[in-house]
Amino acid sequence: MTPGPAPLRRRLLLAVAFAILIAALAFYSFTRLGGDRPPQIAVSPSSYDFGQIPLKLVQTNFEVTNVGDQPLEILKVSTSCGCTKATISKRHLKRGEHARLHVTLNPTVMDAGEMESEALRIVYIKSNDPDRPEVEIELRGVVAKPAKPTVDKGGS
């Protein structure tokens, strides 16, 4: 016995629906996994610990990368206080391009109350990454206390 027209039509509709589902999944995978992703910022390392910070300017570098497909625009770089400065080498990054973020911390302009305790400073990077429009980079370290001047007692 051969199936009648209704079961054949049902099988055909099921096959077409299955083919449409497979095509939709393939299209979704292509667009999400590397077809045309929006800009995406990555920073390495994501934080930095200076350890013991002497009473002089200290500095470090970070690498900012666009891991998305669309161009990444660095809109603003700022810091949490005046003792920290940050500059970026490039503000427009194509897919896969890198920029150097140079950060300096000057402990001589910090409050005396912050000496010998852990200091936490933040660098903020604003960009056109739709998922992470602002990235925060933490800087840590313990600032050395200034040495007390020795007093000459004038002994003979």
N, C-alpha and C. Protein backbone atom coordinates (compact mmCIF):
# COMPACT_ATOMS: atom_id res chain seq x y z
N MET A 1 0.83 -1.17 0.00
CA MET A 1 0.00 0.00 0.00
C MET A 1 0.88 1.24 0.00
N THR A 2 0.49 2.20 -0.77
CA THR A 2 1.19 3.48 -0.82
C THR A 2 0.36 4.50 -0.07
N PRO A 3 1.05 5.43 0.59
CA PRO A 3 0.30 6.44 1.35
C PRO A 3 -0.49 7.34 0.41
N GLY A 4 -1.59 7.83 0.89
CA GLY A 4 -2.43 8.73 0.13
C GLY A 4 -1.85 10.13 0.08
N PRO A 5 -2.53 11.08 -0.59
CA PRO A 5 -2.02 12.43 -0.75
C PRO A 5 -1.86 13.19 0.56
N ALA A 6 -2.71 12.96 1.56
CA ALA A 6 -2.61 13.71 2.82
C ALA A 6 -1.32 13.38 3.58
N PRO A 7 -0.96 12.10 3.78
CA PRO A 7 0.30 11.82 4.47
C PRO A 7 1.52 12.31 3.68
N LEU A 8 1.49 12.25 2.36
CA LEU A 8 2.62 12.76 1.55
C LEU A 8 2.75 14.26 1.71
N ARG A 9 1.65 14.94 1.69
CA ARG A 9 1.66 16.39 1.86
C ARG A 9 2.21 16.76 3.24
N ARG A 10 1.82 16.00 4.25
CA ARG A 10 2.31 16.24 5.60
C ARG A 10 3.82 16.03 5.68
N ARG A 11 4.31 14.96 5.05
CA ARG A 11 5.75 14.70 5.04
C ARG A 11 6.50 15.80 4.30
N LEU A 12 5.94 16.24 3.20
CA LEU A 12 6.57 17.31 2.43
C LEU A 12 6.62 18.61 3.24
N LEU A 13 5.55 18.96 3.89
CA LEU A 13 5.52 20.16 4.73
C LEU A 13 6.51 20.03 5.88
N LEU A 14 6.60 18.86 6.47
CA LEU A 14 7.55 18.63 7.56
C LEU A 14 8.99 18.78 7.06
N ALA A 15 9.26 18.25 5.87
CA ALA A 15 10.62 18.36 5.29
C ALA A 15 10.95 19.81 4.99
N VAL A 16 10.01 20.57 4.45
CA VAL A 16 10.24 21.99 4.16
C VAL A 16 10.46 22.76 5.45
N ALA A 17 9.66 22.51 6.47
CA ALA A 17 9.82 23.19 7.75
C ALA A 17 11.18 22.87 8.36
N PHE A 18 11.62 21.62 8.26
CA PHE A 18 12.92 21.22 8.78
C PHE A 18 14.04 21.94 8.02
N ALA A 19 13.93 22.05 6.71
CA ALA A 19 14.94 22.73 5.89
C ALA A 19 15.01 24.22 6.26
N ILE A 20 13.86 24.84 6.48
CA ILE A 20 13.84 26.26 6.87
C ILE A 20 14.49 26.43 8.24
N LEU A 21 14.22 25.52 9.16
CA LEU A 21 14.83 25.58 10.49
C LEU A 21 16.36 25.45 10.39
N ILE A 22 16.84 24.53 9.60
CA ILE A 22 18.29 24.34 9.43
C ILE A 22 18.90 25.59 8.80
N ALA A 23 18.27 26.17 7.81
CA ALA A 23 18.79 27.39 7.17
C ALA A 23 18.82 28.55 8.16
N ALA A 24 17.79 28.68 8.98
CA ALA A 24 17.75 29.76 9.97
C ALA A 24 18.86 29.57 11.01
N LEU A 25 19.09 28.37 11.46
CA LEU A 25 20.16 28.11 12.42
C LEU A 25 21.53 28.39 11.81
N ALA A 26 21.71 28.01 10.55
CA ALA A 26 22.99 28.28 9.88
C ALA A 26 23.22 29.78 9.75
N PHE A 27 22.20 30.54 9.38
CA PHE A 27 22.32 31.98 9.25
C PHE A 27 22.63 32.62 10.60
N TYR A 28 21.93 32.19 11.66
CA TYR A 28 22.18 32.72 13.00
C TYR A 28 23.62 32.43 13.42
N SER A 29 24.09 31.21 13.21
CA SER A 29 25.45 30.85 13.59
C SER A 29 26.46 31.70 12.83
N PHE A 30 26.24 31.91 11.55
CA PHE A 30 27.17 32.72 10.75
C PHE A 30 27.24 34.15 11.26
N THR A 31 26.09 34.76 11.55
CA THR A 31 26.10 36.15 11.97
C THR A 31 26.61 36.32 13.39
N ARG A 32 26.37 35.36 14.28
CA ARG A 32 26.80 35.50 15.67
C ARG A 32 28.24 35.02 15.89
N LEU A 33 28.71 34.08 15.11
CA LEU A 33 30.02 33.48 15.35
C LEU A 33 31.10 33.99 14.42
N GLY A 34 30.94 35.12 13.82
CA GLY A 34 32.04 35.64 13.03
C GLY A 34 31.63 36.26 11.73
N GLY A 35 30.38 36.40 11.49
CA GLY A 35 29.96 37.04 10.26
C GLY A 35 30.12 38.54 10.33
N ASP A 36 29.39 39.19 11.21
CA ASP A 36 29.40 40.65 11.26
C ASP A 36 29.14 41.11 12.69
N ARG A 37 30.02 40.71 13.60
CA ARG A 37 29.85 41.06 15.01
C ARG A 37 30.12 42.55 15.22
N PRO A 38 29.44 43.16 16.19
CA PRO A 38 29.69 44.57 16.51
C PRO A 38 31.09 44.73 17.11
N PRO A 39 31.56 45.97 17.28
CA PRO A 39 32.87 46.17 17.91
C PRO A 39 32.86 45.57 19.32
N GLN A 40 34.01 45.03 19.71
CA GLN A 40 34.11 44.43 21.03
C GLN A 40 35.50 44.72 21.60
N ILE A 41 35.54 45.35 22.77
CA ILE A 41 36.80 45.75 23.39
C ILE A 41 37.32 44.63 24.28
N ALA A 42 38.64 44.45 24.23
CA ALA A 42 39.33 43.53 25.15
C ALA A 42 40.56 44.26 25.66
N VAL A 43 40.82 44.15 26.97
CA VAL A 43 41.98 44.81 27.59
C VAL A 43 42.82 43.76 28.29
N SER A 44 44.12 43.82 28.05
CA SER A 44 45.03 42.87 28.68
C SER A 44 46.25 43.59 29.22
N PRO A 45 46.61 43.36 30.46
CA PRO A 45 45.85 42.62 31.46
C PRO A 45 44.62 43.42 31.89
N SER A 46 43.71 42.77 32.58
CA SER A 46 42.47 43.45 32.98
C SER A 46 42.65 44.30 34.24
N SER A 47 43.75 44.10 34.96
CA SER A 47 44.08 44.90 36.14
C SER A 47 45.59 44.83 36.34
N TYR A 48 46.10 45.64 37.27
CA TYR A 48 47.54 45.63 37.52
C TYR A 48 47.82 45.95 38.98
N ASP A 49 48.73 45.19 39.59
CA ASP A 49 49.15 45.42 40.97
C ASP A 49 50.60 45.88 40.94
N PHE A 50 50.84 47.14 41.34
CA PHE A 50 52.20 47.68 41.38
C PHE A 50 53.00 47.09 42.54
N GLY A 51 52.32 46.50 43.52
CA GLY A 51 53.02 46.03 44.72
C GLY A 51 53.41 47.23 45.56
N GLN A 52 54.65 47.26 46.05
CA GLN A 52 55.15 48.40 46.81
C GLN A 52 55.45 49.54 45.84
N ILE A 53 54.84 50.69 46.07
CA ILE A 53 55.03 51.84 45.19
C ILE A 53 55.96 52.83 45.89
N PRO A 54 57.13 53.09 45.30
CA PRO A 54 58.03 54.09 45.90
C PRO A 54 57.45 55.48 45.69
N LEU A 55 58.00 56.46 46.37
CA LEU A 55 57.52 57.84 46.24
C LEU A 55 58.09 58.48 44.98
N LYS A 56 57.79 57.86 43.86
CA LYS A 56 58.17 58.40 42.55
C LYS A 56 57.18 57.88 41.53
N LEU A 57 57.21 58.47 40.36
CA LEU A 57 56.30 58.09 39.28
C LEU A 57 56.50 56.63 38.89
N VAL A 58 55.40 55.88 38.82
CA VAL A 58 55.45 54.50 38.33
C VAL A 58 54.53 54.40 37.12
N GLN A 59 54.80 53.44 36.25
CA GLN A 59 54.02 53.34 35.02
C GLN A 59 53.89 51.90 34.57
N THR A 60 52.89 51.66 33.73
CA THR A 60 52.67 50.35 33.14
C THR A 60 51.88 50.54 31.84
N ASN A 61 51.81 49.49 31.05
CA ASN A 61 51.08 49.52 29.78
C ASN A 61 50.05 48.40 29.72
N PHE A 62 48.98 48.67 29.00
CA PHE A 62 47.93 47.69 28.73
C PHE A 62 47.74 47.61 27.23
N GLU A 63 47.21 46.49 26.76
CA GLU A 63 46.91 46.35 25.34
C GLU A 63 45.40 46.35 25.18
N VAL A 64 44.90 47.24 24.34
CA VAL A 64 43.47 47.33 24.04
C VAL A 64 43.30 46.77 22.64
N THR A 65 42.37 45.81 22.48
CA THR A 65 42.19 45.13 21.20
C THR A 65 40.72 45.14 20.81
N ASN A 66 40.46 45.27 19.51
CA ASN A 66 39.11 45.12 18.98
C ASN A 66 38.96 43.67 18.54
N VAL A 67 38.18 42.88 19.28
CA VAL A 67 37.96 41.49 18.93
C VAL A 67 36.62 41.30 18.20
N GLY A 68 35.96 42.40 17.85
CA GLY A 68 34.74 42.34 17.05
C GLY A 68 35.07 42.53 15.58
N ASP A 69 34.05 42.54 14.74
CA ASP A 69 34.24 42.72 13.30
C ASP A 69 34.14 44.17 12.86
N GLN A 70 33.29 44.94 13.52
CA GLN A 70 33.09 46.35 13.16
C GLN A 70 34.16 47.21 13.84
N PRO A 71 34.47 48.41 13.30
CA PRO A 71 35.49 49.27 13.91
C PRO A 71 35.12 49.68 15.34
N LEU A 72 36.14 49.66 16.21
CA LEU A 72 35.99 50.06 17.60
C LEU A 72 36.47 51.50 17.73
N GLU A 73 35.65 52.34 18.34
CA GLU A 73 35.99 53.74 18.57
C GLU A 73 36.20 53.94 20.07
N ILE A 74 37.38 54.41 20.45
CA ILE A 74 37.64 54.76 21.84
C ILE A 74 37.16 56.20 22.01
N LEU A 75 36.10 56.38 22.77
CA LEU A 75 35.47 57.69 22.90
C LEU A 75 36.12 58.55 23.98
N LYS A 76 36.56 57.91 25.08
CA LYS A 76 37.13 58.68 26.18
C LYS A 76 37.96 57.76 27.08
N VAL A 77 39.07 58.29 27.56
CA VAL A 77 39.89 57.60 28.55
C VAL A 77 40.02 58.56 29.73
N SER A 78 39.67 58.09 30.92
CA SER A 78 39.75 58.94 32.12
C SER A 78 40.20 58.09 33.30
N THR A 79 40.50 58.77 34.41
CA THR A 79 40.96 58.08 35.61
C THR A 79 40.17 58.55 36.83
N SER A 80 40.32 57.81 37.91
CA SER A 80 39.54 58.11 39.12
C SER A 80 40.12 59.25 39.95
N CYS A 81 41.37 59.66 39.68
CA CYS A 81 41.92 60.78 40.46
C CYS A 81 43.05 61.45 39.69
N GLY A 82 43.49 62.59 40.19
CA GLY A 82 44.53 63.37 39.53
C GLY A 82 45.92 62.76 39.62
N CYS A 83 46.11 61.79 40.49
CA CYS A 83 47.44 61.17 40.62
C CYS A 83 47.68 60.13 39.51
N THR A 84 46.65 59.81 38.76
CA THR A 84 46.75 58.79 37.71
C THR A 84 46.45 59.42 36.36
N LYS A 85 47.29 59.14 35.39
CA LYS A 85 47.10 59.63 34.02
C LYS A 85 47.10 58.43 33.08
N ALA A 86 46.29 58.50 32.03
CA ALA A 86 46.23 57.42 31.04
C ALA A 86 46.11 58.02 29.65
N THR A 87 46.91 57.50 28.72
CA THR A 87 46.83 57.92 27.32
C THR A 87 46.80 56.68 26.44
N ILE A 88 46.07 56.77 25.35
CA ILE A 88 45.97 55.64 24.43
C ILE A 88 46.60 56.01 23.09
N SER A 89 47.27 55.07 22.48
CA SER A 89 48.03 55.34 21.25
C SER A 89 47.14 55.46 20.01
N LYS A 90 45.94 54.91 20.05
CA LYS A 90 45.07 54.89 18.88
C LYS A 90 43.62 54.89 19.35
N ARG A 91 42.77 55.66 18.68
CA ARG A 91 41.35 55.74 19.09
C ARG A 91 40.41 55.00 18.13
N HIS A 92 40.89 54.63 16.96
CA HIS A 92 40.07 53.92 15.97
C HIS A 92 40.76 52.60 15.66
N LEU A 93 40.10 51.51 16.03
CA LEU A 93 40.69 50.19 15.85
C LEU A 93 39.83 49.33 14.93
N LYS A 94 40.43 48.87 13.84
CA LYS A 94 39.75 47.91 12.96
C LYS A 94 39.78 46.54 13.61
N ARG A 95 39.09 45.60 13.03
CA ARG A 95 39.05 44.24 13.56
C ARG A 95 40.47 43.70 13.79
N GLY A 96 40.73 43.23 15.00
CA GLY A 96 42.02 42.64 15.31
C GLY A 96 43.12 43.62 15.65
N GLU A 97 42.89 44.92 15.49
CA GLU A 97 43.94 45.90 15.78
C GLU A 97 44.09 46.13 17.28
N HIS A 98 45.31 46.57 17.64
CA HIS A 98 45.66 46.83 19.04
C HIS A 98 46.05 48.29 19.23
N ALA A 99 45.88 48.77 20.45
CA ALA A 99 46.38 50.09 20.85
C ALA A 99 47.06 49.92 22.20
N ARG A 100 48.03 50.77 22.47
CA ARG A 100 48.73 50.73 23.74
C ARG A 100 48.12 51.79 24.65
N LEU A 101 47.73 51.36 25.86
CA LEU A 101 47.23 52.27 26.88
C LEU A 101 48.36 52.44 27.89
N HIS A 102 48.90 53.65 27.96
CA HIS A 102 50.01 53.94 28.86
C HIS A 102 49.46 54.62 30.11
N VAL A 103 49.76 54.06 31.29
CA VAL A 103 49.23 54.56 32.55
C VAL A 103 50.38 54.92 33.48
N THR A 104 50.28 56.13 34.07
CA THR A 104 51.26 56.55 35.07
C THR A 104 50.52 56.88 36.37
N LEU A 105 51.19 56.58 37.48
CA LEU A 105 50.64 56.89 38.79
C LEU A 105 51.71 57.66 39.55
N ASN A 106 51.34 58.83 40.07
CA ASN A 106 52.28 59.68 40.79
C ASN A 106 51.88 59.73 42.26
N PRO A 107 52.52 58.93 43.11
CA PRO A 107 52.12 58.88 44.52
C PRO A 107 52.48 60.14 45.30
N THR A 108 53.34 60.99 44.75
CA THR A 108 53.74 62.19 45.50
C THR A 108 52.59 63.20 45.62
N VAL A 109 51.53 63.04 44.81
CA VAL A 109 50.39 63.97 44.90
C VAL A 109 49.20 63.33 45.62
N MET A 110 49.43 62.15 46.21
CA MET A 110 48.35 61.47 46.95
C MET A 110 48.26 62.05 48.36
N ASP A 111 47.12 61.84 48.99
CA ASP A 111 46.93 62.27 50.37
C ASP A 111 47.86 61.49 51.30
N ALA A 112 48.36 62.16 52.32
CA ALA A 112 49.25 61.51 53.29
C ALA A 112 48.57 60.33 53.97
N GLY A 113 47.26 60.38 54.14
CA GLY A 113 46.52 59.29 54.78
C GLY A 113 46.53 58.01 53.97
N GLU A 114 46.89 58.09 52.69
CA GLU A 114 46.92 56.90 51.86
C GLU A 114 48.27 56.18 51.90
N MET A 115 49.24 56.76 52.58
CA MET A 115 50.55 56.13 52.66
C MET A 115 50.46 54.88 53.52
N GLU A 116 51.21 53.88 53.14
CA GLU A 116 51.30 52.58 53.80
C GLU A 116 49.97 51.84 53.87
N SER A 117 49.04 52.17 53.00
CA SER A 117 47.81 51.39 52.89
C SER A 117 47.58 51.15 51.40
N GLU A 118 46.76 50.15 51.10
CA GLU A 118 46.55 49.82 49.70
C GLU A 118 45.78 50.94 49.00
N ALA A 119 46.34 51.38 47.91
CA ALA A 119 45.69 52.39 47.07
C ALA A 119 45.00 51.68 45.91
N LEU A 120 43.81 52.12 45.59
CA LEU A 120 43.06 51.58 44.46
C LEU A 120 42.71 52.73 43.54
N ARG A 121 43.12 52.65 42.31
CA ARG A 121 42.79 53.66 41.29
C ARG A 121 42.16 52.94 40.11
N ILE A 122 41.33 53.67 39.36
CA ILE A 122 40.61 53.07 38.23
C ILE A 122 40.90 53.88 36.97
N VAL A 123 41.10 53.18 35.86
CA VAL A 123 41.16 53.79 34.54
C VAL A 123 39.87 53.38 33.83
N TYR A 124 39.19 54.36 33.26
CA TYR A 124 37.93 54.13 32.56
C TYR A 124 38.15 54.29 31.06
N ILE A 125 37.65 53.34 30.28
CA ILE A 125 37.72 53.44 28.81
C ILE A 125 36.29 53.36 28.29
N LYS A 126 35.83 54.45 27.67
CA LYS A 126 34.50 54.46 27.04
C LYS A 126 34.69 54.21 25.55
N SER A 127 33.81 53.34 25.00
CA SER A 127 33.92 53.00 23.58
C SER A 127 32.53 52.75 23.00
N ASN A 128 32.51 52.41 21.72
CA ASN A 128 31.24 52.11 21.06
C ASN A 128 30.90 50.61 21.11
N ASP A 129 31.53 49.85 21.99
CA ASP A 129 31.18 48.45 22.20
C ASP A 129 29.79 48.41 22.82
N PRO A 130 28.80 47.85 22.13
CA PRO A 130 27.43 47.88 22.66
C PRO A 130 27.24 47.04 23.92
N ASP A 131 28.05 46.00 24.11
CA ASP A 131 27.91 45.15 25.29
C ASP A 131 28.66 45.68 26.50
N ARG A 132 29.79 46.37 26.26
CA ARG A 132 30.60 46.94 27.34
C ARG A 132 31.00 48.36 26.97
N PRO A 133 30.07 49.32 27.10
CA PRO A 133 30.38 50.69 26.69
C PRO A 133 31.44 51.36 27.55
N GLU A 134 31.65 50.85 28.78
CA GLU A 134 32.72 51.38 29.62
C GLU A 134 33.43 50.22 30.31
N VAL A 135 34.75 50.20 30.15
CA VAL A 135 35.59 49.18 30.79
C VAL A 135 36.35 49.85 31.91
N GLU A 136 36.48 49.17 33.03
CA GLU A 136 37.25 49.67 34.17
C GLU A 136 38.47 48.79 34.38
N ILE A 137 39.63 49.44 34.52
CA ILE A 137 40.87 48.74 34.81
C ILE A 137 41.32 49.15 36.20
N GLU A 138 41.50 48.19 37.09
CA GLU A 138 41.92 48.49 38.46
C GLU A 138 43.44 48.51 38.58
N LEU A 139 43.95 49.52 39.27
CA LEU A 139 45.36 49.63 39.61
C LEU A 139 45.46 49.58 41.12
N ARG A 140 46.34 48.74 41.63
CA ARG A 140 46.51 48.60 43.08
C ARG A 140 47.98 48.74 43.44
N GLY A 141 48.21 49.04 44.69
CA GLY A 141 49.57 49.09 45.21
C GLY A 141 49.59 49.72 46.58
N VAL A 142 50.67 49.50 47.30
CA VAL A 142 50.85 50.09 48.62
C VAL A 142 51.93 51.16 48.50
N VAL A 143 51.55 52.39 48.81
CA VAL A 143 52.46 53.53 48.67
C VAL A 143 53.37 53.59 49.89
N ALA A 144 54.66 53.72 49.61
CA ALA A 144 55.66 53.81 50.68
C ALA A 144 55.46 55.09 51.47
N LYS A 145 55.70 55.01 52.75
CA LYS A 145 55.62 56.20 53.61
C LYS A 145 56.92 56.98 53.45
N PRO A 146 56.82 58.29 53.39
CA PRO A 146 58.06 59.07 53.25
C PRO A 146 58.97 58.85 54.46
N ALA A 147 60.25 58.78 54.18
CA ALA A 147 61.22 58.61 55.25
C ALA A 147 61.25 59.87 56.12
N LYS A 148 61.34 59.67 57.43
CA LYS A 148 61.41 60.82 58.34
C LYS A 148 62.82 61.38 58.28
N PRO A 149 62.93 62.69 58.22
CA PRO A 149 64.28 63.26 58.19
C PRO A 149 64.98 63.01 59.53
N THR A 150 66.26 62.75 59.44
CA THR A 150 67.04 62.55 60.67
C THR A 150 67.48 63.92 61.19
N VAL A 151 67.45 64.03 62.49
CA VAL A 151 67.81 65.28 63.11
C VAL A 151 69.24 65.15 63.65
N ASP A 152 70.08 66.09 63.28
CA ASP A 152 71.45 66.11 63.78
C ASP A 152 71.41 66.75 65.15
N LYS A 153 71.79 65.98 66.15
CA LYS A 153 71.72 66.48 67.52
C LYS A 153 72.93 67.33 67.88
N GLY A 154 73.83 67.47 66.96
CA GLY A 154 74.97 68.36 67.17
C GLY A 154 75.91 67.91 68.26
N GLY A 155 76.07 66.63 68.44
CA GLY A 155 76.98 66.11 69.47
C GLY A 155 78.43 66.35 69.13
N SER A 156 79.30 66.46 70.16
CA SER A 156 80.71 66.71 69.89
C SER A 156 81.52 65.49 70.11
